N, C-alpha and C. Protein backbone atom coordinates (compact mmCIF):
# COMPACT_ATOMS: atom_id res chain seq x y z
N UNK A 1 -27.61 35.86 -8.63
CA UNK A 1 -26.79 34.72 -8.93
C UNK A 1 -26.17 34.22 -7.63
N UNK A 2 -26.32 32.93 -7.35
CA UNK A 2 -25.78 32.38 -6.12
C UNK A 2 -24.34 31.92 -6.34
N UNK A 3 -23.56 32.06 -5.30
CA UNK A 3 -22.18 31.61 -5.36
C UNK A 3 -22.08 30.21 -4.76
N UNK A 4 -21.37 29.38 -5.42
CA UNK A 4 -21.13 28.05 -4.86
C UNK A 4 -19.78 28.06 -4.15
N UNK A 5 -19.77 27.47 -2.99
CA UNK A 5 -18.54 27.36 -2.23
C UNK A 5 -17.86 26.06 -2.63
N UNK A 6 -16.69 26.18 -3.20
CA UNK A 6 -15.93 25.01 -3.59
C UNK A 6 -14.93 24.68 -2.49
N UNK A 7 -15.01 23.49 -2.00
CA UNK A 7 -14.11 23.05 -0.95
C UNK A 7 -13.22 21.96 -1.50
N UNK A 8 -11.95 22.15 -1.34
CA UNK A 8 -11.01 21.12 -1.77
C UNK A 8 -10.84 20.11 -0.64
N UNK A 9 -11.06 18.87 -0.96
CA UNK A 9 -10.89 17.81 0.02
C UNK A 9 -9.57 17.13 -0.27
N UNK A 10 -8.71 17.09 0.73
CA UNK A 10 -7.41 16.46 0.56
C UNK A 10 -7.53 15.00 0.95
N UNK A 11 -7.17 14.12 0.05
CA UNK A 11 -7.26 12.68 0.28
C UNK A 11 -5.88 12.13 0.61
N UNK A 12 -5.84 11.25 1.58
CA UNK A 12 -4.60 10.58 1.98
C UNK A 12 -4.79 9.08 1.94
N UNK A 13 -3.68 8.37 1.78
CA UNK A 13 -3.68 6.92 1.93
C UNK A 13 -3.08 6.59 3.29
N UNK A 14 -3.50 5.49 3.90
CA UNK A 14 -2.95 5.11 5.20
C UNK A 14 -1.52 4.61 5.09
N UNK A 15 -0.87 4.44 6.23
CA UNK A 15 0.52 4.00 6.24
C UNK A 15 0.65 2.48 6.26
N UNK A 16 -0.35 1.80 5.73
CA UNK A 16 -0.31 0.35 5.60
C UNK A 16 -0.93 -0.02 4.26
N UNK A 17 -0.19 -0.78 3.45
CA UNK A 17 -0.70 -1.23 2.17
C UNK A 17 -1.36 -2.59 2.32
N UNK A 18 -0.66 -3.51 2.96
CA UNK A 18 -1.15 -4.86 3.22
C UNK A 18 -0.97 -5.17 4.70
N UNK A 19 -1.73 -6.10 5.21
CA UNK A 19 -1.50 -6.57 6.57
C UNK A 19 -0.12 -7.21 6.60
N UNK A 20 0.64 -6.94 7.64
CA UNK A 20 2.00 -7.46 7.84
C UNK A 20 3.00 -6.93 6.82
N UNK A 21 2.76 -5.72 6.31
CA UNK A 21 3.69 -5.14 5.33
C UNK A 21 4.51 -4.01 5.94
N UNK A 22 5.63 -3.71 5.27
CA UNK A 22 6.52 -2.62 5.65
C UNK A 22 6.63 -1.70 4.44
N UNK A 23 6.51 -0.39 4.66
CA UNK A 23 6.58 0.58 3.57
C UNK A 23 7.89 1.35 3.62
N UNK A 24 8.40 1.66 2.46
CA UNK A 24 9.61 2.48 2.34
C UNK A 24 9.34 3.53 1.26
N UNK A 25 9.24 4.79 1.63
CA UNK A 25 9.46 5.35 2.96
C UNK A 25 8.30 5.05 3.90
N UNK A 26 8.55 5.24 5.18
CA UNK A 26 7.54 4.98 6.21
C UNK A 26 7.09 6.31 6.81
N UNK A 27 5.94 6.79 6.36
CA UNK A 27 5.38 8.06 6.85
C UNK A 27 4.04 7.78 7.51
N UNK A 28 3.52 8.72 8.32
CA UNK A 28 2.22 8.52 8.96
C UNK A 28 1.07 8.42 7.95
N UNK A 29 1.18 9.15 6.83
CA UNK A 29 0.15 9.11 5.78
C UNK A 29 0.80 9.56 4.47
N UNK A 30 0.11 9.27 3.37
CA UNK A 30 0.66 9.52 2.05
C UNK A 30 -0.34 10.29 1.19
N UNK A 31 0.19 11.15 0.33
CA UNK A 31 -0.63 11.92 -0.60
C UNK A 31 -0.94 11.11 -1.85
N UNK A 32 -1.97 11.54 -2.56
CA UNK A 32 -2.33 10.92 -3.83
C UNK A 32 -1.11 10.96 -4.75
N UNK A 33 -0.86 9.89 -5.46
CA UNK A 33 0.24 9.69 -6.39
C UNK A 33 1.58 9.38 -5.71
N UNK A 34 1.62 9.35 -4.38
CA UNK A 34 2.85 8.89 -3.71
C UNK A 34 3.03 7.41 -4.02
N UNK A 35 4.27 7.00 -4.16
CA UNK A 35 4.60 5.61 -4.43
C UNK A 35 5.52 5.10 -3.33
N UNK A 36 5.27 3.87 -2.88
CA UNK A 36 6.09 3.27 -1.84
C UNK A 36 6.56 1.88 -2.27
N UNK A 37 7.69 1.48 -1.74
CA UNK A 37 8.18 0.11 -1.91
C UNK A 37 7.59 -0.72 -0.77
N UNK A 38 6.97 -1.83 -1.12
CA UNK A 38 6.31 -2.68 -0.12
C UNK A 38 7.07 -3.99 0.03
N UNK A 39 7.43 -4.31 1.26
CA UNK A 39 7.99 -5.61 1.62
C UNK A 39 7.15 -6.15 2.76
N UNK A 40 7.44 -7.36 3.20
CA UNK A 40 6.70 -7.94 4.31
C UNK A 40 7.54 -7.97 5.58
N UNK A 41 6.86 -8.02 6.71
CA UNK A 41 7.54 -8.15 7.99
C UNK A 41 8.31 -9.46 8.02
N UNK A 42 9.34 -9.56 8.86
CA UNK A 42 10.09 -10.81 8.97
C UNK A 42 9.15 -12.00 9.25
N UNK A 43 9.41 -13.10 8.56
CA UNK A 43 8.57 -14.29 8.71
C UNK A 43 7.42 -14.35 7.73
N UNK A 44 7.27 -13.30 6.90
CA UNK A 44 6.21 -13.24 5.89
C UNK A 44 6.85 -13.03 4.52
N UNK A 45 6.12 -13.40 3.47
CA UNK A 45 6.58 -13.18 2.11
C UNK A 45 5.41 -12.70 1.26
N UNK A 46 5.74 -11.94 0.21
CA UNK A 46 4.72 -11.43 -0.70
C UNK A 46 4.31 -12.55 -1.65
N UNK A 47 3.00 -12.80 -1.72
CA UNK A 47 2.48 -13.89 -2.52
C UNK A 47 1.32 -13.40 -3.39
N UNK A 48 1.30 -13.90 -4.64
CA UNK A 48 0.16 -13.73 -5.53
C UNK A 48 -0.01 -15.06 -6.24
N UNK A 49 -1.08 -15.75 -5.93
CA UNK A 49 -1.25 -17.09 -6.47
C UNK A 49 -0.16 -17.99 -5.92
N UNK A 50 0.64 -18.58 -6.82
CA UNK A 50 1.75 -19.45 -6.41
C UNK A 50 3.09 -18.75 -6.53
N UNK A 51 3.09 -17.48 -6.85
CA UNK A 51 4.31 -16.72 -7.06
C UNK A 51 4.68 -15.93 -5.81
N UNK A 52 5.97 -15.93 -5.46
CA UNK A 52 6.46 -15.07 -4.38
C UNK A 52 7.49 -14.11 -4.96
N UNK A 53 7.50 -12.90 -4.43
CA UNK A 53 8.45 -11.87 -4.89
C UNK A 53 9.01 -11.16 -3.66
N UNK A 54 10.19 -10.51 -3.78
CA UNK A 54 10.78 -9.85 -2.62
C UNK A 54 10.12 -8.51 -2.27
N UNK A 55 9.57 -7.80 -3.25
CA UNK A 55 8.93 -6.50 -3.01
C UNK A 55 8.11 -6.10 -4.24
N UNK A 56 7.29 -5.06 -4.06
CA UNK A 56 6.58 -4.44 -5.18
C UNK A 56 6.35 -2.99 -4.83
N UNK A 57 5.88 -2.22 -5.79
CA UNK A 57 5.59 -0.79 -5.57
C UNK A 57 4.09 -0.56 -5.65
N UNK A 58 3.59 0.27 -4.74
CA UNK A 58 2.17 0.61 -4.70
C UNK A 58 2.02 2.12 -4.83
N UNK A 59 0.94 2.54 -5.47
CA UNK A 59 0.67 3.97 -5.66
C UNK A 59 -0.62 4.35 -4.96
N UNK A 60 -0.61 5.50 -4.28
CA UNK A 60 -1.80 6.03 -3.60
C UNK A 60 -2.74 6.63 -4.64
N UNK A 61 -3.98 6.16 -4.67
CA UNK A 61 -4.96 6.63 -5.65
C UNK A 61 -5.84 7.74 -5.09
N UNK A 62 -6.57 8.40 -5.98
CA UNK A 62 -7.42 9.53 -5.63
C UNK A 62 -8.51 9.19 -4.63
N UNK A 63 -8.85 7.90 -4.50
CA UNK A 63 -9.89 7.49 -3.56
C UNK A 63 -9.33 7.14 -2.18
N UNK A 64 -8.01 7.34 -1.98
CA UNK A 64 -7.38 7.05 -0.69
C UNK A 64 -7.07 5.58 -0.49
N UNK A 65 -7.07 4.82 -1.58
CA UNK A 65 -6.77 3.39 -1.51
C UNK A 65 -5.52 3.11 -2.33
N UNK A 66 -4.67 2.25 -1.80
CA UNK A 66 -3.45 1.88 -2.50
C UNK A 66 -3.77 0.98 -3.68
N UNK A 67 -3.11 1.22 -4.81
CA UNK A 67 -3.23 0.33 -5.96
C UNK A 67 -2.21 -0.78 -5.77
N UNK A 68 -2.68 -1.99 -5.59
CA UNK A 68 -1.80 -3.15 -5.43
C UNK A 68 -2.23 -4.23 -6.41
N UNK A 69 -1.30 -4.99 -6.89
CA UNK A 69 -1.62 -6.05 -7.86
C UNK A 69 -2.06 -7.36 -7.18
N UNK A 70 -2.99 -7.30 -6.26
CA UNK A 70 -3.56 -8.48 -5.59
C UNK A 70 -2.52 -9.33 -4.86
N UNK A 71 -1.52 -8.69 -4.29
CA UNK A 71 -0.53 -9.40 -3.48
C UNK A 71 -0.99 -9.45 -2.04
N UNK A 72 -0.40 -10.35 -1.26
CA UNK A 72 -0.63 -10.39 0.17
C UNK A 72 0.65 -10.84 0.86
N UNK A 73 0.79 -10.48 2.13
CA UNK A 73 1.92 -10.95 2.94
C UNK A 73 1.44 -12.17 3.72
N UNK A 74 2.02 -13.31 3.38
CA UNK A 74 1.63 -14.57 4.03
C UNK A 74 2.83 -15.16 4.75
N UNK A 75 2.53 -15.93 5.80
CA UNK A 75 3.61 -16.58 6.56
C UNK A 75 4.45 -17.45 5.66
N UNK A 76 5.76 -17.37 5.85
CA UNK A 76 6.67 -18.23 5.10
C UNK A 76 6.55 -19.67 5.60
N UNK A 77 6.65 -20.58 4.69
CA UNK A 77 6.68 -22.00 5.05
C UNK A 77 8.09 -22.39 5.40
N UNK A 78 8.25 -23.07 6.52
CA UNK A 78 9.57 -23.55 6.92
C UNK A 78 9.92 -24.78 6.10
N UNK A 79 11.10 -24.76 5.52
CA UNK A 79 11.52 -25.93 4.76
C UNK A 79 12.12 -26.96 5.70
N UNK A 80 11.78 -28.22 5.48
CA UNK A 80 12.27 -29.27 6.37
C UNK A 80 13.19 -30.23 5.67
């Protein structure tokens, strides 16, 4: 009977959810199921379609990718 070697692979998510985003907490990497508060860098705002929001929460998934609800950090429009 042959023995199979089982190797546990530890998956991490990167310390960036979106381009131009800020994470709270801010760590070098995150474990699966970690949740972070996402805001945008100064001069950017979180946008989904025509909606803007101040922040959202993202969760690190088993595939090493953040679960985000299709938001992005886009440059704020200057009001004139």
